Protein backbone atom coordinates (compact mmCIF):
# COMPACT_ATOMS: atom_id res chain seq x y z
CA MET A 1 0.00 0.00 0.00
CA ARG A 2 2.83 2.42 0.86
CA SER A 3 4.61 1.81 -2.48
CA MET A 4 1.35 2.27 -4.39
CA THR A 5 0.76 5.59 -2.61
CA LEU A 6 4.29 6.74 -3.56
CA LEU A 7 3.71 5.90 -7.21
CA ILE A 8 0.48 7.87 -7.24
CA LEU A 9 2.16 10.89 -5.65
CA LEU A 10 5.01 10.81 -8.17
CA SER A 11 2.60 10.65 -11.08
CA LEU A 12 0.74 13.68 -9.75
CA LEU A 13 3.94 15.68 -9.34
CA GLY A 14 4.74 15.30 -13.06
CA PRO A 15 8.00 14.88 -14.99
CA THR A 16 9.92 17.67 -13.29
CA ALA A 17 9.72 15.76 -10.00
CA LEU A 18 11.80 12.92 -11.39
CA ALA A 19 15.52 13.19 -12.07
CA ASP A 20 18.20 10.83 -13.36
CA VAL A 21 21.62 11.14 -11.74
CA HIS A 22 24.72 10.86 -13.95
CA ASN A 23 28.45 10.89 -13.34
CA SER A 24 31.04 13.06 -15.06
CA ARG A 25 34.79 13.28 -14.53
CA GLN A 26 34.29 16.77 -13.13
CA HIS A 27 30.73 16.89 -11.77
CA ASP A 28 27.99 14.55 -10.69
CA PHE A 29 24.82 15.93 -12.23
CA LYS A 30 21.19 15.09 -12.69
CA THR A 31 18.87 15.53 -15.65
CA VAL A 32 15.42 16.94 -15.02
CA THR A 33 12.76 16.76 -17.73
CA LEU A 34 11.03 20.14 -17.91
CA LEU A 35 8.82 19.71 -21.00
CA GLU A 36 7.65 16.85 -23.16
CA ASP A 37 5.65 16.40 -26.36
CA LEU A 38 7.41 19.19 -28.29
CA ALA A 39 7.20 18.68 -32.06
CA HIS A 40 10.81 18.34 -33.25
CA PRO A 41 12.10 21.26 -31.17
CA TRP A 42 15.08 23.00 -32.75
CA SER A 43 16.22 25.89 -30.58
CA ILE A 44 15.63 27.70 -27.30
CA ALA A 45 16.11 31.31 -26.22
CA PHE A 46 15.83 32.74 -22.71
CA LEU A 47 13.70 35.83 -22.23
CA PRO A 48 14.42 38.29 -19.42
CA GLY A 49 12.31 37.41 -16.40
CA GLY A 50 12.58 33.66 -16.84
CA ASP A 51 10.33 32.80 -19.82
CA TRP A 52 11.58 30.74 -22.77
CA LEU A 53 11.00 30.66 -26.51
CA ILE A 54 11.30 27.33 -28.35
CA THR A 55 11.12 26.74 -32.10
CA GLU A 56 9.46 23.60 -33.43
CA ARG A 57 10.63 22.57 -36.89
CA PRO A 58 7.06 22.09 -38.24
CA GLY A 59 6.66 25.86 -38.02
CA GLN A 60 5.59 26.85 -34.51
CA LEU A 61 7.28 29.23 -32.08
CA ARG A 62 6.32 28.25 -28.52
CA HIS A 63 6.24 30.41 -25.40
CA VAL A 64 7.03 28.84 -22.03
CA GLN A 65 5.82 30.97 -19.13
CA ASN A 66 6.62 30.11 -15.52
CA GLY A 67 7.82 26.72 -16.71
CA LYS A 68 4.51 25.91 -18.44
CA LEU A 69 4.10 25.55 -22.19
CA ILE A 70 1.41 27.92 -23.46
CA GLU A 71 -0.93 25.83 -25.57
CA THR A 72 -1.36 28.29 -28.45
CA PRO A 73 1.76 28.93 -30.56
CA VAL A 74 3.13 32.46 -30.77
CA THR A 75 1.45 34.53 -33.46
CA GLY A 76 3.23 36.72 -36.01
CA THR A 77 5.80 34.17 -37.23
CA PRO A 78 6.75 33.86 -40.91
CA ASP A 79 5.46 31.36 -43.45
CA VAL A 80 7.78 28.37 -43.30
CA ASN A 81 8.54 25.66 -45.86
CA VAL A 82 8.45 22.35 -43.98
CA ASP A 83 10.20 19.55 -45.86
CA ASN A 84 12.49 16.91 -44.38
CA GLN A 85 15.15 18.94 -42.49
CA ALA A 86 13.56 22.25 -43.53
CA GLY A 87 11.26 24.24 -41.28
CA LEU A 88 11.42 26.79 -38.47
CA LEU A 89 14.94 26.59 -37.10
CA ASP A 90 16.96 28.94 -34.86
CA VAL A 91 15.67 31.55 -32.41
CA VAL A 92 17.99 34.18 -30.92
CA LEU A 93 17.41 37.44 -29.05
CA HIS A 94 19.16 40.62 -30.13
CA PRO A 95 22.04 41.51 -27.76
CA ASP A 96 20.13 44.71 -26.92
CA PHE A 97 16.81 42.91 -26.50
CA ALA A 98 16.02 44.83 -23.31
CA ASP A 99 15.89 48.01 -25.41
CA ASN A 100 14.52 46.85 -28.79
CA GLN A 101 12.65 43.55 -28.03
CA TYR A 102 13.95 42.00 -31.29
CA VAL A 103 13.58 38.23 -31.74
CA TYR A 104 15.44 36.68 -34.70
CA LEU A 105 14.39 33.50 -36.50
CA THR A 106 15.94 31.42 -39.25
CA TYR A 107 13.68 29.28 -41.38
CA ALA A 108 13.30 27.54 -44.72
CA LYS A 109 11.25 29.49 -47.24
CA ALA A 110 9.99 28.72 -50.72
CA CYS A 111 11.84 30.47 -53.56
CA ASN A 112 10.01 32.25 -56.36
CA THR A 113 12.21 30.36 -58.81
CA GLY A 114 11.38 26.99 -57.23
CA GLY A 115 12.93 25.00 -54.43
CA ASN A 116 13.63 26.60 -51.07
CA THR A 117 16.37 28.38 -49.18
CA THR A 118 17.38 29.63 -45.74
CA ALA A 119 16.14 33.02 -44.58
CA VAL A 120 16.57 35.14 -41.47
CA GLY A 121 14.13 37.69 -40.11
CA ARG A 122 13.11 39.46 -36.95
CA GLY A 123 10.01 40.57 -35.12
CA VAL A 124 9.25 42.61 -32.04
CA TRP A 125 8.28 40.67 -28.92
CA ASN A 126 5.17 42.18 -27.38
CA ASP A 127 3.03 40.57 -24.71
CA GLY A 128 3.51 37.00 -25.93
CA ALA A 129 3.33 37.72 -29.67
CA LEU A 130 5.71 38.65 -32.48
CA GLU A 131 4.79 41.91 -34.19
CA ASP A 132 6.02 43.46 -37.44
CA PHE A 133 8.00 40.39 -38.48
CA THR A 134 10.33 41.34 -41.32
CA GLU A 135 12.49 39.12 -43.49
CA LEU A 136 16.00 40.57 -43.36
CA TYR A 137 17.95 38.31 -45.70
CA GLU A 138 17.17 35.47 -48.09
CA ALA A 139 20.21 33.32 -48.81
CA ASP A 140 21.27 32.79 -52.41
CA ALA A 141 20.86 29.06 -51.87
CA CYS A 142 17.65 28.06 -53.66
CA GLU A 143 17.67 24.33 -54.34
CA PRO A 144 15.01 21.59 -54.43
CA GLY A 145 14.44 19.41 -51.40
CA GLY A 146 14.76 20.06 -47.70
CA ARG A 147 18.36 19.18 -46.99
CA HIS A 148 21.20 21.02 -45.26
CA HIS A 149 19.82 24.42 -44.30
CA GLY A 150 22.46 24.92 -41.59
CA SER A 151 20.75 27.77 -39.80
CA ARG A 152 22.38 28.94 -36.57
CA ILE A 153 22.65 32.60 -35.63
CA VAL A 154 25.23 34.24 -33.37
CA PHE A 155 25.95 37.90 -32.64
CA ASP A 156 29.48 39.06 -31.91
CA ASP A 157 30.53 41.81 -29.50
CA HIS A 158 29.95 44.44 -32.19
CA ASN A 159 26.42 43.19 -32.95
CA TYR A 160 27.37 41.72 -36.32
CA MET A 161 25.11 38.78 -37.08
CA TYR A 162 26.51 35.48 -38.39
CA VAL A 163 24.14 33.00 -40.06
CA SER A 164 25.11 29.52 -41.21
CA VAL A 165 23.80 28.08 -44.48
CA GLY A 166 24.34 24.45 -45.48
CA ASP A 167 25.31 23.10 -48.88
CA ARG A 168 21.66 22.23 -49.63
CA GLY A 169 22.75 18.78 -50.79
CA VAL A 170 24.58 20.14 -53.87
CA GLN A 171 28.08 19.79 -52.50
CA ASP A 172 30.14 21.13 -55.42
CA LYS A 173 28.49 24.57 -55.15
CA ALA A 174 30.02 24.96 -51.67
CA GLN A 175 33.35 25.64 -53.39
CA ASP A 176 31.85 28.54 -55.34
CA PRO A 177 31.91 31.66 -53.14
CA SER A 178 29.71 33.57 -55.58
CA ASN A 179 26.63 32.03 -53.93
CA ASN A 180 25.65 31.49 -50.27
CA ILE A 181 25.58 27.68 -50.48
CA GLY A 182 27.79 26.08 -47.81
CA SER A 183 28.69 29.40 -46.21
CA ILE A 184 28.57 31.40 -43.03
CA LEU A 185 27.18 34.86 -43.67
CA ARG A 186 28.03 38.10 -41.85
CA LEU A 187 25.33 40.75 -41.74
CA HIS A 188 24.41 43.86 -39.83
CA ASP A 189 21.58 43.29 -37.37
CA ASP A 190 19.14 44.74 -39.93
CA GLY A 191 20.22 42.26 -42.61
CA SER A 192 22.34 44.68 -44.61
CA ILE A 193 25.84 43.66 -45.70
CA PRO A 194 28.92 45.16 -44.01
CA THR A 195 31.27 46.87 -46.43
CA ASP A 196 34.31 45.18 -44.86
CA ASN A 197 33.11 41.64 -45.58
CA PRO A 198 35.88 39.67 -47.31
CA PHE A 199 34.29 39.35 -50.76
CA VAL A 200 32.88 42.86 -51.14
CA GLY A 201 34.27 44.23 -54.38
CA LYS A 202 35.95 40.91 -55.14
CA ASP A 203 35.08 37.60 -56.79
CA GLY A 204 32.53 36.25 -54.33
CA HIS A 205 29.19 36.95 -52.69
CA ASP A 206 29.20 40.09 -50.58
CA ALA A 207 27.38 38.43 -47.65
CA ASN A 208 29.82 35.51 -47.31
CA TRP A 209 32.21 35.42 -44.37
CA THR A 210 33.31 31.85 -45.18
CA TYR A 211 32.64 29.14 -47.76
CA GLY A 212 33.31 25.41 -48.22
CA ASN A 213 31.13 24.47 -45.23
CA ARG A 214 28.93 21.39 -45.51
CA ASN A 215 26.11 21.86 -43.01
CA PRO A 216 26.94 23.95 -39.93
CA GLN A 217 24.22 23.30 -37.33
CA GLY A 218 26.08 24.52 -34.25
CA MET A 219 27.72 27.90 -33.74
CA ALA A 220 28.78 29.79 -30.62
CA ILE A 221 31.06 32.54 -29.38
CA HIS A 222 34.20 31.30 -27.61
CA PRO A 223 34.94 33.05 -24.28
CA ALA A 224 37.94 34.67 -26.01
CA GLY A 225 35.64 36.16 -28.68
CA GLU A 226 36.23 33.77 -31.60
CA ILE A 227 33.32 32.21 -33.47
CA TRP A 228 33.38 28.43 -33.45
CA ALA A 229 31.09 26.24 -35.53
CA ASN A 230 30.51 22.56 -35.98
CA GLU A 231 29.29 20.94 -39.17
CA HIS A 232 28.01 17.61 -40.34
CA GLY A 233 30.35 15.55 -42.44
CA PRO A 234 28.99 12.83 -44.72
CA MET A 235 29.66 9.35 -43.29
CA GLY A 236 32.43 10.40 -40.92
CA GLY A 237 34.32 13.66 -40.94
CA ASP A 238 32.11 15.84 -38.74
CA GLU A 239 34.08 18.98 -37.91
CA LEU A 240 34.59 21.61 -35.23
CA ASN A 241 36.11 24.78 -36.68
CA VAL A 242 37.26 28.26 -35.76
CA ILE A 243 35.49 30.62 -38.17
CA LYS A 244 37.87 33.02 -39.89
CA LYS A 245 37.26 35.86 -42.31
CA GLY A 246 37.26 34.76 -45.95
CA ALA A 247 38.35 31.21 -45.16
CA ASN A 248 37.62 28.14 -47.28
CA TYR A 249 36.73 25.11 -45.15
CA GLY A 250 37.30 22.69 -47.98
CA TRP A 251 34.04 20.85 -48.54
CA PRO A 252 33.90 18.77 -50.71
CA ALA A 253 37.46 19.14 -52.05
CA ILE A 254 38.82 17.80 -48.75
CA THR A 255 37.00 15.69 -46.17
CA TYR A 256 37.66 13.06 -43.53
CA GLY A 257 34.43 11.29 -44.45
CA ILE A 258 33.11 9.12 -47.26
CA ASP A 259 29.75 9.11 -49.02
CA TYR A 260 26.80 7.21 -47.59
CA ASP A 261 27.11 4.49 -50.24
CA GLY A 262 30.76 3.95 -49.27
CA SER A 263 32.20 5.75 -52.28
CA ILE A 264 35.08 8.21 -52.02
CA ILE A 265 34.20 11.92 -52.11
CA SER A 266 37.80 13.11 -52.02
CA ASN A 267 41.10 11.31 -51.60
CA GLU A 268 42.50 14.33 -49.76
CA THR A 269 42.01 15.54 -46.21
CA GLU A 270 44.04 18.72 -46.59
CA LYS A 271 45.05 21.22 -49.25
CA ASP A 272 46.88 24.53 -49.28
CA GLY A 273 44.49 27.39 -48.69
CA MET A 274 41.84 25.26 -46.99
CA MET A 275 41.19 25.24 -43.26
CA GLN A 276 41.75 22.22 -41.04
CA PRO A 277 39.26 21.48 -38.26
CA LEU A 278 40.22 21.75 -34.61
CA LYS A 279 38.55 18.39 -34.19
CA GLN A 280 36.86 15.83 -36.42
CA TRP A 281 34.58 12.97 -35.52
CA THR A 282 34.79 9.66 -37.38
CA PRO A 283 32.45 7.86 -37.06
CA SER A 284 29.99 10.72 -37.22
CA ILE A 285 28.15 11.97 -34.16
CA ALA A 286 25.96 14.29 -36.31
CA PRO A 287 26.75 17.49 -34.34
CA SER A 288 24.02 20.05 -33.81
CA GLY A 289 23.54 22.72 -31.13
CA MET A 290 26.66 24.00 -29.39
CA ALA A 291 27.50 26.15 -26.37
CA PHE A 292 30.50 27.15 -24.31
CA TYR A 293 30.01 26.79 -20.58
CA SER A 294 30.25 29.99 -18.58
CA GLY A 295 28.28 29.70 -15.35
CA ASP A 296 28.65 29.13 -11.65
CA ALA A 297 26.71 25.88 -11.28
CA PHE A 298 29.48 23.70 -12.78
CA PRO A 299 32.77 25.52 -12.05
CA ASP A 300 34.98 22.72 -13.37
CA TRP A 301 33.31 22.95 -16.79
CA GLN A 302 34.31 26.59 -17.30
CA GLY A 303 35.27 27.21 -20.93
CA ASP A 304 34.39 23.69 -22.10
CA VAL A 305 32.37 23.38 -25.28
CA PHE A 306 29.23 21.25 -25.37
CA VAL A 307 28.14 19.72 -28.68
CA GLY A 308 24.84 17.92 -29.14
CA ALA A 309 24.98 14.58 -30.95
CA LEU A 310 22.03 13.53 -33.10
CA ALA A 311 23.72 10.20 -33.83
CA HIS A 312 24.92 8.07 -30.90
CA THR A 313 22.58 10.31 -28.87
CA HIS A 314 24.73 12.01 -26.29
CA LEU A 315 26.10 15.37 -25.20
CA SER A 316 29.80 15.76 -25.98
CA ARG A 317 31.86 17.86 -23.57
CA VAL A 318 35.20 18.86 -25.10
CA ARG A 319 38.00 20.71 -23.32
CA PHE A 320 40.58 22.69 -25.26
CA ASP A 321 43.82 24.38 -24.30
CA GLY A 322 43.69 27.20 -26.82
CA HIS A 323 43.07 25.35 -30.07
CA ALA A 324 44.46 22.00 -28.85
CA GLU A 325 41.99 19.37 -27.69
CA VAL A 326 42.67 18.15 -24.15
CA GLU A 327 39.83 15.68 -23.61
CA GLU A 328 36.37 14.66 -24.73
CA GLU A 329 33.70 13.14 -22.54
CA LYS A 330 30.37 11.71 -23.69
CA LEU A 331 27.62 12.60 -21.25
CA MET A 332 24.39 10.55 -21.08
CA ASP A 333 25.67 8.27 -23.84
CA ASN A 334 22.75 6.54 -25.60
CA SER A 335 20.36 7.56 -22.84
CA ILE A 336 18.87 10.92 -23.76
CA GLY A 337 17.89 10.78 -27.44
CA ARG A 338 18.91 12.96 -30.38
CA VAL A 339 20.33 16.20 -28.96
CA ARG A 340 19.26 19.03 -31.25
CA ASP A 341 20.22 22.06 -29.18
CA VAL A 342 22.25 22.84 -26.09
CA ARG A 343 22.32 26.22 -24.33
CA VAL A 344 23.62 27.57 -21.04
CA GLY A 345 20.81 29.39 -19.27
CA PRO A 346 21.08 32.63 -17.27
CA ASP A 347 20.98 30.41 -14.16
CA GLY A 348 24.21 28.65 -15.20
CA LEU A 349 22.39 25.37 -15.83
CA VAL A 350 22.59 23.46 -19.12
CA TYR A 351 19.44 23.10 -21.23
CA ILE A 352 19.01 20.44 -23.92
CA LEU A 353 16.35 19.93 -26.59
CA THR A 354 15.87 16.45 -28.01
CA ASP A 355 14.78 15.99 -31.62
CA SER A 356 11.69 13.81 -31.79
CA PRO A 357 7.99 14.05 -32.66
CA LYS A 358 7.65 14.14 -28.86
CA GLY A 359 10.80 16.05 -28.08
CA GLN A 360 11.85 17.07 -24.60
CA LEU A 361 13.44 20.01 -22.85
CA VAL A 362 15.89 18.61 -20.30
CA ARG A 363 17.99 20.53 -17.79
CA LEU A 364 21.35 19.46 -16.36
CA GLU A 365 21.72 20.43 -12.71
CA PRO A 366 24.33 19.67 -10.06
CA ALA A 367 23.41 16.44 -8.28
CA ASP A 368 22.76 18.34 -5.05
CA HIS A 369 20.74 21.12 -6.72
CA GLU A 370 17.35 21.80 -5.13
């Protein structure tokens, strides 16, 4: 009777009452499930005051208030092309959100010429809705199908906006800097193109900051100010890179991976004038969301980079000394599901979204956290 009563009480308390404890080399931690039944969640942003915004790839922006998911999706979002990997993707607040209330979204949109591409836009957050949503930039990456949209946003210390665009499944075009395919773009926060971008006035697309990227789905600012990005390889050859002005990251002329049918894409892993990754994963982990840890809850993780793994379903914690890898640890290996996004919250805790028709928002807390 006592055990039955306990089970009833636990069921009434809901998922946040239950936690799984895990061990790390640095910290014992527990995972607490905060939300369930999210439709392929892709990204999370933290609003001042404690609310959250979560994108769902099928096209909905969700508002979480006081830890509860508001049933009706946020209004005022753009029309989204939903196809395979395409849909509503990243959500990021402007660095000066407290003053301007800007919320930025990346998404797949249909092209007038056919196919679809990656776009970025912004709206004004007002009382639980987006108002005056405006498309700021449509990538020159129109191709059929819903593959490889990339689609992370980061702002640097000068409020320049960087947006990743995948190779759209047409790999050879990633070596042509005259388009935005397989590139990381650098824009002003209003979508206009800075005049000091590397290809302005030269042979290349004015918006491009880099090219030769396959499908960058994780991007974050290093504590020292550098932009780091991860990208999917084919079968093997996932990469973690430092993003440098005007650099060619080599895809598909060089790669550590092979094609999905086992055929060779390139016999070379390096060439003059092409960047080498800081780290590569073979076999693939399918890297997605990425964040550097900078909080008080886990002091021994300071400066470590977390990378979500869609394949092998874990959270990778990697420590670097400068640009040299020191160690990698797989957290929650094969126990959490496909990790689509990872962010460090204002509370110093680590938040994870899992990619599933019934995706979850999970929080990593110190084992003794109350």
